[in-house]
Amino acid sequence: MTGLAINSQSNAFSIATLIYARLRRVSGRVIDALYVVENVEYARFVSNLALETADPELSRLVARLYSELNLHEVAVSAPEESIVSSVQSETAEILMSEPTAEDIFKAQVAHRYIGALR
């Protein structure tokens, strides 16, 4: 295995672990992050699970996983192409949007010390 392939698998595994953590938090589903990197069909299955949650962070991570594992090149069917294009457009939209005053307030409230253990 070349250094580039090892680095790519390492990046894909990192993304898969982020998907694991976020998917568990959002939907309670647990996946095998190592198997995501090893098996293309399982990676697509997990990607579909993540996209079904409609969570923007999971959509962004799925787009990164698709590009890291080159899932676009491996027998992509028409429905998956539309999913990938919608994920890419959502990702671009999220990156272009500015946080609202409500988003900023929610972020500040979540980190405010309340004087006791939670």
PDB file of N, CA and C in Angstrom:
ATOM      1  N   MET A   1       0.841  -1.170   0.000  1.00  0.00           N
ATOM      2  CA  MET A   1       0.000   0.000   0.000  1.00  0.00           C
ATOM      3  C   MET A   1       0.890   1.238   0.000  1.00  0.00           C
ATOM      4  N   THR A   2       0.525   2.223  -0.799  1.00  0.00           N
ATOM      5  CA  THR A   2       1.320   3.435  -0.861  1.00  0.00           C
ATOM      6  C   THR A   2       0.940   4.374   0.267  1.00  0.00           C
ATOM      7  N   GLY A   3       1.791   5.367   0.471  1.00  0.00           N
ATOM      8  CA  GLY A   3       1.525   6.347   1.523  1.00  0.00           C
ATOM      9  C   GLY A   3       0.240   7.105   1.293  1.00  0.00           C
ATOM     10  N   LEU A   4      -0.066   7.385   0.026  1.00  0.00           N
ATOM     11  CA  LEU A   4      -1.286   8.108  -0.308  1.00  0.00           C
ATOM     12  C   LEU A   4      -2.522   7.275   0.033  1.00  0.00           C
ATOM     13  N   ALA A   5      -2.476   5.981  -0.252  1.00  0.00           N
ATOM     14  CA  ALA A   5      -3.614   5.099   0.040  1.00  0.00           C
ATOM     15  C   ALA A   5      -3.819   4.963   1.543  1.00  0.00           C
ATOM     16  N   ILE A   6      -2.730   4.875   2.281  1.00  0.00           N
ATOM     17  CA  ILE A   6      -2.833   4.767   3.740  1.00  0.00           C
ATOM     18  C   ILE A   6      -3.419   6.050   4.312  1.00  0.00           C
ATOM     19  N   ASN A   7      -2.959   7.193   3.816  1.00  0.00           N
ATOM     20  CA  ASN A   7      -3.472   8.468   4.289  1.00  0.00           C
ATOM     21  C   ASN A   7      -4.953   8.605   3.962  1.00  0.00           C
ATOM     22  N   SER A   8      -5.363   8.156   2.776  1.00  0.00           N
ATOM     23  CA  SER A   8      -6.750   8.220   2.374  1.00  0.00           C
ATOM     24  C   SER A   8      -7.624   7.344   3.271  1.00  0.00           C
ATOM     25  N   GLN A   9      -7.145   6.148   3.569  1.00  0.00           N
ATOM     26  CA  GLN A   9      -7.901   5.263   4.466  1.00  0.00           C
ATOM     27  C   GLN A   9      -7.962   5.842   5.866  1.00  0.00           C
ATOM     28  N   SER A  10      -6.882   6.460   6.307  1.00  0.00           N
ATOM     29  CA  SER A  10      -6.870   7.085   7.628  1.00  0.00           C
ATOM     30  C   SER A  10      -7.885   8.220   7.689  1.00  0.00           C
ATOM     31  N   ASN A  11      -7.924   9.049   6.637  1.00  0.00           N
ATOM     32  CA  ASN A  11      -8.903  10.134   6.588  1.00  0.00           C
ATOM     33  C   ASN A  11     -10.321   9.593   6.539  1.00  0.00           C
ATOM     34  N   ALA A  12     -10.535   8.552   5.761  1.00  0.00           N
ATOM     35  CA  ALA A  12     -11.863   7.950   5.654  1.00  0.00           C
ATOM     36  C   ALA A  12     -12.300   7.366   7.005  1.00  0.00           C
ATOM     37  N   PHE A  13     -11.361   6.750   7.713  1.00  0.00           N
ATOM     38  CA  PHE A  13     -11.692   6.203   9.028  1.00  0.00           C
ATOM     39  C   PHE A  13     -12.042   7.324  10.003  1.00  0.00           C
ATOM     40  N   SER A  14     -11.311   8.425   9.946  1.00  0.00           N
ATOM     41  CA  SER A  14     -11.615   9.569  10.814  1.00  0.00           C
ATOM     42  C   SER A  14     -13.015  10.101  10.535  1.00  0.00           C
ATOM     43  N   ILE A  15     -13.359  10.214   9.256  1.00  0.00           N
ATOM     44  CA  ILE A  15     -14.689  10.684   8.879  1.00  0.00           C
ATOM     45  C   ILE A  15     -15.748   9.684   9.339  1.00  0.00           C
ATOM     46  N   ALA A  16     -15.472   8.394   9.181  1.00  0.00           N
ATOM     47  CA  ALA A  16     -16.422   7.359   9.603  1.00  0.00           C
ATOM     48  C   ALA A  16     -16.655   7.406  11.110  1.00  0.00           C
ATOM     49  N   THR A  17     -15.618   7.683  11.887  1.00  0.00           N
ATOM     50  CA  THR A  17     -15.810   7.776  13.340  1.00  0.00           C
ATOM     51  C   THR A  17     -16.627   9.008  13.706  1.00  0.00           C
ATOM     52  N   LEU A  18     -16.452  10.100  12.960  1.00  0.00           N
ATOM     53  CA  LEU A  18     -17.279  11.287  13.195  1.00  0.00           C
ATOM     54  C   LEU A  18     -18.741  10.996  12.845  1.00  0.00           C
ATOM     55  N   ILE A  19     -18.952  10.255  11.754  1.00  0.00           N
ATOM     56  CA  ILE A  19     -20.316   9.855  11.394  1.00  0.00           C
ATOM     57  C   ILE A  19     -20.899   8.956  12.480  1.00  0.00           C
ATOM     58  N   TYR A  20     -20.086   8.017  12.981  1.00  0.00           N
ATOM     59  CA  TYR A  20     -20.530   7.130  14.055  1.00  0.00           C
ATOM     60  C   TYR A  20     -21.034   7.932  15.248  1.00  0.00           C
ATOM     61  N   ALA A  21     -20.215   8.897  15.702  1.00  0.00           N
ATOM     62  CA  ALA A  21     -20.574   9.675  16.891  1.00  0.00           C
ATOM     63  C   ALA A  21     -21.819  10.519  16.654  1.00  0.00           C
ATOM     64  N   ARG A  22     -21.881  11.183  15.515  1.00  0.00           N
ATOM     65  CA  ARG A  22     -23.019  12.054  15.222  1.00  0.00           C
ATOM     66  C   ARG A  22     -24.295  11.248  14.991  1.00  0.00           C
ATOM     67  N   LEU A  23     -24.188  10.137  14.274  1.00  0.00           N
ATOM     68  CA  LEU A  23     -25.358   9.298  14.007  1.00  0.00           C
ATOM     69  C   LEU A  23     -25.903   8.709  15.306  1.00  0.00           C
ATOM     70  N   ARG A  24     -25.019   8.332  16.192  1.00  0.00           N
ATOM     71  CA  ARG A  24     -25.447   7.793  17.488  1.00  0.00           C
ATOM     72  C   ARG A  24     -26.171   8.862  18.299  1.00  0.00           C
ATOM     73  N   ARG A  25     -25.655  10.096  18.248  1.00  0.00           N
ATOM     74  CA  ARG A  25     -26.271  11.188  19.001  1.00  0.00           C
ATOM     75  C   ARG A  25     -27.615  11.578  18.406  1.00  0.00           C
ATOM     76  N   VAL A  26     -27.691  11.635  17.078  1.00  0.00           N
ATOM     77  CA  VAL A  26     -28.897  12.123  16.414  1.00  0.00           C
ATOM     78  C   VAL A  26     -30.003  11.072  16.378  1.00  0.00           C
ATOM     79  N   SER A  27     -29.647   9.822  16.046  1.00  0.00           N
ATOM     80  CA  SER A  27     -30.697   8.823  15.844  1.00  0.00           C
ATOM     81  C   SER A  27     -30.585   7.590  16.734  1.00  0.00           C
ATOM     82  N   GLY A  28     -29.492   7.474  17.482  1.00  0.00           N
ATOM     83  CA  GLY A  28     -29.312   6.300  18.328  1.00  0.00           C
ATOM     84  C   GLY A  28     -28.767   5.093  17.593  1.00  0.00           C
ATOM     85  N   ARG A  29     -28.489   5.237  16.291  1.00  0.00           N
ATOM     86  CA  ARG A  29     -27.953   4.124  15.499  1.00  0.00           C
ATOM     87  C   ARG A  29     -26.455   4.005  15.714  1.00  0.00           C
ATOM     88  N   VAL A  30     -25.966   2.785  15.738  1.00  0.00           N
ATOM     89  CA  VAL A  30     -24.540   2.517  15.904  1.00  0.00           C
ATOM     90  C   VAL A  30     -24.040   1.792  14.662  1.00  0.00           C
ATOM     91  N   ILE A  31     -22.881   2.221  14.163  1.00  0.00           N
ATOM     92  CA  ILE A  31     -22.302   1.621  12.967  1.00  0.00           C
ATOM     93  C   ILE A  31     -20.903   1.113  13.272  1.00  0.00           C
ATOM     94  N   ASP A  32     -20.346   0.352  12.353  1.00  0.00           N
ATOM     95  CA  ASP A  32     -18.968  -0.126  12.461  1.00  0.00           C
ATOM     96  C   ASP A  32     -18.102   0.763  11.573  1.00  0.00           C
ATOM     97  N   ALA A  33     -17.360   1.687  12.190  1.00  0.00           N
ATOM     98  CA  ALA A  33     -16.575   2.670  11.436  1.00  0.00           C
ATOM     99  C   ALA A  33     -15.483   2.006  10.596  1.00  0.00           C
ATOM    100  N   LEU A  34     -14.870   0.962  11.096  1.00  0.00           N
ATOM    101  CA  LEU A  34     -13.806   0.292  10.353  1.00  0.00           C
ATOM    102  C   LEU A  34     -14.368  -0.407   9.113  1.00  0.00           C
ATOM    103  N   TYR A  35     -15.537  -1.007   9.242  1.00  0.00           N
ATOM    104  CA  TYR A  35     -16.147  -1.706   8.119  1.00  0.00           C
ATOM    105  C   TYR A  35     -16.614  -0.725   7.044  1.00  0.00           C
ATOM    106  N   VAL A  36     -16.954   0.500   7.435  1.00  0.00           N
ATOM    107  CA  VAL A  36     -17.323   1.532   6.464  1.00  0.00           C
ATOM    108  C   VAL A  36     -16.180   1.751   5.479  1.00  0.00           C
ATOM    109  N   VAL A  37     -14.946   1.773   6.001  1.00  0.00           N
ATOM    110  CA  VAL A  37     -13.772   2.002   5.159  1.00  0.00           C
ATOM    111  C   VAL A  37     -13.467   0.785   4.298  1.00  0.00           C
ATOM    112  N   GLU A  38     -13.760  -0.407   4.803  1.00  0.00           N
ATOM    113  CA  GLU A  38     -13.401  -1.645   4.104  1.00  0.00           C
ATOM    114  C   GLU A  38     -14.416  -2.082   3.056  1.00  0.00           C
ATOM    115  N   ASN A  39     -15.684  -1.746   3.224  1.00  0.00           N
ATOM    116  CA  ASN A  39     -16.736  -2.256   2.355  1.00  0.00           C
ATOM    117  C   ASN A  39     -17.534  -1.111   1.743  1.00  0.00           C
ATOM    118  N   VAL A  40     -17.507  -1.010   0.426  1.00  0.00           N
ATOM    119  CA  VAL A  40     -18.174   0.080  -0.282  1.00  0.00           C
ATOM    120  C   VAL A  40     -19.687   0.014  -0.104  1.00  0.00           C
ATOM    121  N   GLU A  41     -20.265  -1.184  -0.177  1.00  0.00           N
ATOM    122  CA  GLU A  41     -21.713  -1.317  -0.015  1.00  0.00           C
ATOM    123  C   GLU A  41     -22.158  -0.868   1.373  1.00  0.00           C
ATOM    124  N   TYR A  42     -21.396  -1.224   2.391  1.00  0.00           N
ATOM    125  CA  TYR A  42     -21.740  -0.805   3.755  1.00  0.00           C
ATOM    126  C   TYR A  42     -21.574   0.709   3.897  1.00  0.00           C
ATOM    127  N   ALA A  43     -20.559   1.262   3.254  1.00  0.00           N
ATOM    128  CA  ALA A  43     -20.354   2.712   3.293  1.00  0.00           C
ATOM    129  C   ALA A  43     -21.557   3.430   2.693  1.00  0.00           C
ATOM    130  N   ARG A  44     -22.085   2.904   1.597  1.00  0.00           N
ATOM    131  CA  ARG A  44     -23.273   3.495   0.981  1.00  0.00           C
ATOM    132  C   ARG A  44     -24.498   3.334   1.879  1.00  0.00           C
ATOM    133  N   PHE A  45     -24.631   2.172   2.518  1.00  0.00           N
ATOM    134  CA  PHE A  45     -25.747   1.938   3.428  1.00  0.00           C
ATOM    135  C   PHE A  45     -25.709   2.931   4.583  1.00  0.00           C
ATOM    136  N   VAL A  46     -24.535   3.098   5.179  1.00  0.00           N
ATOM    137  CA  VAL A  46     -24.379   4.038   6.294  1.00  0.00           C
ATOM    138  C   VAL A  46     -24.638   5.464   5.822  1.00  0.00           C
ATOM    139  N   SER A  47     -24.182   5.789   4.622  1.00  0.00           N
ATOM    140  CA  SER A  47     -24.421   7.119   4.074  1.00  0.00           C
ATOM    141  C   SER A  47     -25.913   7.385   3.933  1.00  0.00           C
ATOM    142  N   ASN A  48     -26.646   6.396   3.446  1.00  0.00           N
ATOM    143  CA  ASN A  48     -28.098   6.548   3.316  1.00  0.00           C
ATOM    144  C   ASN A  48     -28.760   6.713   4.677  1.00  0.00           C
ATOM    145  N   LEU A  49     -28.306   5.955   5.680  1.00  0.00           N
ATOM    146  CA  LEU A  49     -28.839   6.112   7.038  1.00  0.00           C
ATOM    147  C   LEU A  49     -28.610   7.531   7.542  1.00  0.00           C
ATOM    148  N   ALA A  50     -27.411   8.022   7.321  1.00  0.00           N
ATOM    149  CA  ALA A  50     -27.062   9.357   7.795  1.00  0.00           C
ATOM    150  C   ALA A  50     -27.887  10.425   7.080  1.00  0.00           C
ATOM    151  N   LEU A  51     -28.083  10.265   5.773  1.00  0.00           N
ATOM    152  CA  LEU A  51     -28.845  11.250   5.015  1.00  0.00           C
ATOM    153  C   LEU A  51     -30.325  11.238   5.386  1.00  0.00           C
ATOM    154  N   GLU A  52     -30.847  10.093   5.802  1.00  0.00           N
ATOM    155  CA  GLU A  52     -32.252  10.001   6.204  1.00  0.00           C
ATOM    156  C   GLU A  52     -32.556  10.831   7.441  1.00  0.00           C
ATOM    157  N   THR A  53     -31.541  11.115   8.246  1.00  0.00           N
ATOM    158  CA  THR A  53     -31.760  11.917   9.457  1.00  0.00           C
ATOM    159  C   THR A  53     -31.986  13.384   9.135  1.00  0.00           C
ATOM    160  N   ALA A  54     -31.595  13.829   7.938  1.00  0.00           N
ATOM    161  CA  ALA A  54     -31.703  15.232   7.503  1.00  0.00           C
ATOM    162  C   ALA A  54     -30.898  16.164   8.404  1.00  0.00           C
ATOM    163  N   ASP A  55     -29.856  15.648   9.018  1.00  0.00           N
ATOM    164  CA  ASP A  55     -28.975  16.451   9.863  1.00  0.00           C
ATOM    165  C   ASP A  55     -27.908  17.099   8.973  1.00  0.00           C
ATOM    166  N   PRO A  56     -27.756  18.418   9.024  1.00  0.00           N
ATOM    167  CA  PRO A  56     -26.781  19.089   8.153  1.00  0.00           C
ATOM    168  C   PRO A  56     -25.340  18.629   8.381  1.00  0.00           C
ATOM    169  N   GLU A  57     -24.965  18.392   9.618  1.00  0.00           N
ATOM    170  CA  GLU A  57     -23.600  17.943   9.912  1.00  0.00           C
ATOM    171  C   GLU A  57     -23.350  16.555   9.322  1.00  0.00           C
ATOM    172  N   LEU A  58     -24.324  15.658   9.448  1.00  0.00           N
ATOM    173  CA  LEU A  58     -24.177  14.331   8.854  1.00  0.00           C
ATOM    174  C   LEU A  58     -24.115  14.416   7.329  1.00  0.00           C
ATOM    175  N   SER A  59     -24.882  15.310   6.735  1.00  0.00           N
ATOM    176  CA  SER A  59     -24.834  15.487   5.280  1.00  0.00           C
ATOM    177  C   SER A  59     -23.447  15.941   4.843  1.00  0.00           C
ATOM    178  N   ARG A  60     -22.872  16.850   5.604  1.00  0.00           N
ATOM    179  CA  ARG A  60     -21.526  17.342   5.286  1.00  0.00           C
ATOM    180  C   ARG A  60     -20.508  16.216   5.408  1.00  0.00           C
ATOM    181  N   LEU A  61     -20.631  15.407   6.461  1.00  0.00           N
ATOM    182  CA  LEU A  61     -19.694  14.304   6.662  1.00  0.00           C
ATOM    183  C   LEU A  61     -19.843  13.238   5.578  1.00  0.00           C
ATOM    184  N   VAL A  62     -21.068  12.972   5.144  1.00  0.00           N
ATOM    185  CA  VAL A  62     -21.294  11.995   4.076  1.00  0.00           C
ATOM    186  C   VAL A  62     -20.649  12.481   2.781  1.00  0.00           C
ATOM    187  N   ALA A  63     -20.770  13.771   2.495  1.00  0.00           N
ATOM    188  CA  ALA A  63     -20.136  14.322   1.293  1.00  0.00           C
ATOM    189  C   ALA A  63     -18.625  14.146   1.358  1.00  0.00           C
ATOM    190  N   ARG A  64     -18.046  14.372   2.537  1.00  0.00           N
ATOM    191  CA  ARG A  64     -16.606  14.175   2.697  1.00  0.00           C
ATOM    192  C   ARG A  64     -16.231  12.710   2.532  1.00  0.00           C
ATOM    193  N   LEU A  65     -17.054  11.806   3.086  1.00  0.00           N
ATOM    194  CA  LEU A  65     -16.775  10.376   2.970  1.00  0.00           C
ATOM    195  C   LEU A  65     -16.845   9.934   1.508  1.00  0.00           C
ATOM    196  N   TYR A  66     -17.854  10.421   0.779  1.00  0.00           N
ATOM    197  CA  TYR A  66     -17.970  10.086  -0.637  1.00  0.00           C
ATOM    198  C   TYR A  66     -16.724  10.500  -1.397  1.00  0.00           C
ATOM    199  N   SER A  67     -16.229  11.703  -1.133  1.00  0.00           N
ATOM    200  CA  SER A  67     -15.048  12.153  -1.870  1.00  0.00           C
ATOM    201  C   SER A  67     -13.788  11.409  -1.422  1.00  0.00           C
ATOM    202  N   GLU A  68     -13.686  11.068  -0.156  1.00  0.00           N
ATOM    203  CA  GLU A  68     -12.491  10.388   0.348  1.00  0.00           C
ATOM    204  C   GLU A  68     -12.398   8.951  -0.148  1.00  0.00           C
ATOM    205  N   LEU A  69     -13.535   8.255  -0.215  1.00  0.00           N
ATOM    206  CA  LEU A  69     -13.541   6.859  -0.656  1.00  0.00           C
ATOM    207  C   LEU A  69     -13.786   6.719  -2.153  1.00  0.00           C
ATOM    208  N   ASN A  70     -13.920   7.841  -2.847  1.00  0.00           N
ATOM    209  CA  ASN A  70     -14.204   7.833  -4.284  1.00  0.00           C
ATOM    210  C   ASN A  70     -15.434   6.990  -4.607  1.00  0.00           C
ATOM    211  N   LEU A  71     -16.472   7.155  -3.834  1.00  0.00           N
ATOM    212  CA  LEU A  71     -17.696   6.387  -4.050  1.00  0.00           C
ATOM    213  C   LEU A  71     -18.429   6.850  -5.308  1.00  0.00           C
ATOM    214  N   HIS A  72     -18.081   8.019  -5.833  1.00  0.00           N
ATOM    215  CA  HIS A  72     -18.700   8.507  -7.061  1.00  0.00           C
ATOM    216  C   HIS A  72     -18.292   7.632  -8.238  1.00  0.00           C
ATOM    217  N   GLU A  73     -17.090   7.070  -8.188  1.00  0.00           N
ATOM    218  CA  GLU A  73     -16.532   6.310  -9.314  1.00  0.00           C
ATOM    219  C   GLU A  73     -16.997   4.863  -9.361  1.00  0.00           C
ATOM    220  N   VAL A  74     -17.540   4.337  -8.283  1.00  0.00           N
ATOM    221  CA  VAL A  74     -17.847   2.919  -8.203  1.00  0.00           C
ATOM    222  C   VAL A  74     -19.333   2.695  -8.460  1.00  0.00           C
ATOM    223  N   ALA A  75     -19.697   2.408  -9.700  1.00  0.00           N
ATOM    224  CA  ALA A  75     -21.054   2.019 -10.101  1.00  0.00           C
ATOM    225  C   ALA A  75     -22.136   2.817  -9.400  1.00  0.00           C
ATOM    226  N   VAL A  76     -22.163   4.109  -9.606  1.00  0.00           N
ATOM    227  CA  VAL A  76     -23.156   4.968  -8.973  1.00  0.00           C
ATOM    228  C   VAL A  76     -24.437   4.912  -9.782  1.00  0.00           C
ATOM    229  N   SER A  77     -25.528   4.588  -9.109  1.00  0.00           N
ATOM    230  CA  SER A  77     -26.818   4.545  -9.794  1.00  0.00           C
ATOM    231  C   SER A  77     -27.435   5.942  -9.783  1.00  0.00           C
ATOM    232  N   ALA A  78     -28.493   6.121 -10.532  1.00  0.00           N
ATOM    233  CA  ALA A  78     -29.121   7.439 -10.673  1.00  0.00           C
ATOM    234  C   ALA A  78     -29.612   8.022  -9.349  1.00  0.00           C
ATOM    235  N   PRO A  79     -30.304   7.266  -8.468  1.00  0.00           N
ATOM    236  CA  PRO A  79     -30.740   7.860  -7.211  1.00  0.00           C
ATOM    237  C   PRO A  79     -29.570   8.339  -6.349  1.00  0.00           C
ATOM    238  N   GLU A  80     -28.463   7.591  -6.351  1.00  0.00           N
ATOM    239  CA  GLU A  80     -27.326   7.999  -5.530  1.00  0.00           C
ATOM    240  C   GLU A  80     -26.671   9.255  -6.081  1.00  0.00           C
ATOM    241  N   GLU A  81     -26.682   9.424  -7.406  1.00  0.00           N
ATOM    242  CA  GLU A  81     -26.138  10.638  -7.997  1.00  0.00           C
ATOM    243  C   GLU A  81     -26.926  11.848  -7.547  1.00  0.00           C
ATOM    244  N   SER A  82     -28.246  11.720  -7.469  1.00  0.00           N
ATOM    245  CA  SER A  82     -29.062  12.843  -7.024  1.00  0.00           C
ATOM    246  C   SER A  82     -28.829  13.129  -5.545  1.00  0.00           C
ATOM    247  N   ILE A  83     -28.610  12.084  -4.765  1.00  0.00           N
ATOM    248  CA  ILE A  83     -28.316  12.278  -3.348  1.00  0.00           C
ATOM    249  C   ILE A  83     -27.002  13.025  -3.188  1.00  0.00           C
ATOM    250  N   VAL A  84     -25.988  12.605  -3.925  1.00  0.00           N
ATOM    251  CA  VAL A  84     -24.680  13.249  -3.829  1.00  0.00           C
ATOM    252  C   VAL A  84     -24.776  14.701  -4.252  1.00  0.00           C
ATOM    253  N   SER A  85     -25.482  14.985  -5.344  1.00  0.00           N
ATOM    254  CA  SER A  85     -25.598  16.370  -5.799  1.00  0.00           C
ATOM    255  C   SER A  85     -26.377  17.212  -4.801  1.00  0.00           C
ATOM    256  N   SER A  86     -27.417  16.644  -4.184  1.00  0.00           N
ATOM    257  CA  SER A  86     -28.173  17.397  -3.183  1.00  0.00           C
ATOM    258  C   SER A  86     -27.332  17.629  -1.934  1.00  0.00           C
ATOM    259  N   VAL A  87     -26.527  16.649  -1.549  1.00  0.00           N
ATOM    260  CA  VAL A  87     -25.638  16.823  -0.395  1.00  0.00           C
ATOM    261  C   VAL A  87     -24.616  17.909  -0.683  1.00  0.00           C
ATOM    262  N   GLN A  88     -24.058  17.910  -1.886  1.00  0.00           N
ATOM    263  CA  GLN A  88     -23.075  18.923  -2.244  1.00  0.00           C
ATOM    264  C   GLN A  88     -23.703  20.312  -2.260  1.00  0.00           C
ATOM    265  N   SER A  89     -24.925  20.440  -2.769  1.00  0.00           N
ATOM    266  CA  SER A  89     -25.576  21.747  -2.791  1.00  0.00           C
ATOM    267  C   SER A  89     -25.932  22.198  -1.376  1.00  0.00           C
ATOM    268  N   GLU A  90     -26.386  21.263  -0.514  1.00  0.00           N
ATOM    269  CA  GLU A  90     -26.670  21.604   0.877  1.00  0.00           C
ATOM    270  C   GLU A  90     -25.397  22.036   1.598  1.00  0.00           C
ATOM    271  N   THR A  91     -24.305  21.340   1.338  1.00  0.00           N
ATOM    272  CA  THR A  91     -23.038  21.679   1.967  1.00  0.00           C
ATOM    273  C   THR A  91     -22.609  23.075   1.562  1.00  0.00           C
ATOM    274  N   ALA A  92     -22.712  23.395   0.290  1.00  0.00           N
ATOM    275  CA  ALA A  92     -22.348  24.732  -0.177  1.00  0.00           C
ATOM    276  C   ALA A  92     -23.253  25.785   0.444  1.00  0.00           C
ATOM    277  N   GLU A  93     -24.548  25.467   0.568  1.00  0.00           N
ATOM    278  CA  GLU A  93     -25.503  26.399   1.161  1.00  0.00           C
ATOM    279  C   GLU A  93     -25.184  26.635   2.638  1.00  0.00           C
ATOM    280  N   ILE A  94     -24.836  25.594   3.366  1.00  0.00           N
ATOM    281  CA  ILE A  94     -24.506  25.713   4.787  1.00  0.00           C
ATOM    282  C   ILE A  94     -23.252  26.554   4.968  1.00  0.00           C
ATOM    283  N   LEU A  95     -22.266  26.314   4.127  1.00  0.00           N
ATOM    284  CA  LEU A  95     -21.023  27.062   4.245  1.00  0.00           C
ATOM    285  C   LEU A  95     -21.206  28.534   3.905  1.00  0.00           C
ATOM    286  N   MET A  96     -22.160  28.859   3.055  1.00  0.00           N
ATOM    287  CA  MET A  96     -22.399  30.240   2.649  1.00  0.00           C
ATOM    288  C   MET A  96     -23.273  30.998   3.644  1.00  0.00           C
ATOM    289  N   SER A  97     -24.055  30.304   4.466  1.00  0.00           N
ATOM    290  CA  SER A  97     -24.993  30.972   5.347  1.00  0.00           C
ATOM    291  C   SER A  97     -24.293  31.537   6.584  1.00  0.00           C
ATOM    292  N   GLU A  98     -24.808  32.642   7.050  1.00  0.00           N
ATOM    293  CA  GLU A  98     -24.294  33.287   8.254  1.00  0.00           C
ATOM    294  C   GLU A  98     -25.145  32.839   9.444  1.00  0.00           C
ATOM    295  N   PRO A  99     -24.538  32.736  10.634  1.00  0.00           N
ATOM    296  CA  PRO A  99     -25.334  32.377  11.805  1.00  0.00           C
ATOM    297  C   PRO A  99     -26.276  33.517  12.188  1.00  0.00           C
ATOM    298  N   THR A 100     -27.475  33.147  12.612  1.00  0.00           N
ATOM    299  CA  THR A 100     -28.440  34.151  13.034  1.00  0.00           C
ATOM    300  C   THR A 100     -28.201  34.497  14.495  1.00  0.00           C
ATOM    301  N   ALA A 101     -28.861  35.520  14.967  1.00  0.00           N
ATOM    302  CA  ALA A 101     -28.740  35.919  16.379  1.00  0.00           C
ATOM    303  C   ALA A 101     -29.223  34.785  17.282  1.00  0.00           C
ATOM    304  N   GLU A 102     -30.247  34.059  16.831  1.00  0.00           N
ATOM    305  CA  GLU A 102     -30.765  32.934  17.616  1.00  0.00           C
ATOM    306  C   GLU A 102     -29.738  31.806  17.710  1.00  0.00           C
ATOM    307  N   ASP A 103     -29.040  31.515  16.603  1.00  0.00           N
ATOM    308  CA  ASP A 103     -27.994  30.494  16.616  1.00  0.00           C
ATOM    309  C   ASP A 103     -26.880  30.857  17.588  1.00  0.00           C
ATOM    310  N   ILE A 104     -26.489  32.110  17.585  1.00  0.00           N
ATOM    311  CA  ILE A 104     -25.432  32.576  18.483  1.00  0.00           C
ATOM    312  C   ILE A 104     -25.883  32.454  19.935  1.00  0.00           C
ATOM    313  N   PHE A 105     -27.140  32.834  20.219  1.00  0.00           N
ATOM    314  CA  PHE A 105     -27.652  32.737  21.577  1.00  0.00           C
ATOM    315  C   PHE A 105     -27.693  31.292  22.057  1.00  0.00           C
ATOM    316  N   LYS A 106     -28.160  30.388  21.194  1.00  0.00           N
ATOM    317  CA  LYS A 106     -28.215  28.965  21.559  1.00  0.00           C
ATOM    318  C   LYS A 106     -26.828  28.416  21.859  1.00  0.00           C
ATOM    319  N   ALA A 107     -25.840  28.824  21.090  1.00  0.00           N
ATOM    320  CA  ALA A 107     -24.469  28.360  21.310  1.00  0.00           C
ATOM    321  C   ALA A 107     -23.921  28.885  22.630  1.00  0.00           C
ATOM    322  N   GLN A 108     -24.271  30.100  22.983  1.00  0.00           N
ATOM    323  CA  GLN A 108     -23.785  30.679  24.234  1.00  0.00           C
ATOM    324  C   GLN A 108     -24.472  30.061  25.436  1.00  0.00           C
ATOM    325  N   VAL A 109     -25.774  29.822  25.334  1.00  0.00           N
ATOM    326  CA  VAL A 109     -26.530  29.261  26.451  1.00  0.00           C
ATOM    327  C   VAL A 109     -26.058  27.844  26.768  1.00  0.00           C
ATOM    328  N   ALA A 110     -25.729  27.074  25.749  1.00  0.00           N
ATOM    329  CA  ALA A 110     -25.319  25.689  25.956  1.00  0.00           C
ATOM    330  C   ALA A 110     -24.015  25.598  26.737  1.00  0.00           C
ATOM    331  N   HIS A 111     -23.188  26.625  26.706  1.00  0.00           N
ATOM    332  CA  HIS A 111     -21.901  26.585  27.372  1.00  0.00           C
ATOM    333  C   HIS A 111     -21.859  27.421  28.651  1.00  0.00           C
ATOM    334  N   ARG A 112     -22.975  27.938  29.072  1.00  0.00           N
ATOM    335  CA  ARG A 112     -23.024  28.790  30.249  1.00  0.00           C
ATOM    336  C   ARG A 112     -22.957  27.941  31.515  1.00  0.00           C
ATOM    337  N   TYR A 113     -22.123  28.355  32.477  1.00  0.00           N
ATOM    338  CA  TYR A 113     -22.006  27.651  33.751  1.00  0.00           C
ATOM    339  C   TYR A 113     -23.234  27.936  34.586  1.00  0.00           C
ATOM    340  N   ILE A 114     -23.846  26.893  35.153  1.00  0.00           N
ATOM    341  CA  ILE A 114     -25.072  27.091  35.908  1.00  0.00           C
ATOM    342  C   ILE A 114     -24.866  26.954  37.415  1.00  0.00           C
ATOM    343  N   GLY A 115     -23.641  26.751  37.860  1.00  0.00           N
ATOM    344  CA  GLY A 115     -23.362  26.728  39.278  1.00  0.00           C
ATOM    345  C   GLY A 115     -23.479  25.370  39.931  1.00  0.00           C
ATOM    346  N   ALA A 116     -23.722  24.338  39.171  1.00  0.00           N
ATOM    347  CA  ALA A 116     -23.847  22.981  39.716  1.00  0.00           C
ATOM    348  C   ALA A 116     -23.521  21.980  38.629  1.00  0.00           C
ATOM    349  N   LEU A 117     -23.303  20.750  39.053  1.00  0.00           N
ATOM    350  CA  LEU A 117     -23.081  19.692  38.092  1.00  0.00           C
ATOM    351  C   LEU A 117     -24.397  19.370  37.386  1.00  0.00           C
ATOM    352  N   ARG A 118     -24.301  19.036  36.152  1.00  0.00           N
ATOM    353  CA  ARG A 118     -25.532  18.710  35.405  1.00  0.00           C
ATOM    354  C   ARG A 118     -25.859  17.253  35.523  1.00  0.00           C
TER     355      ARG A 118
END
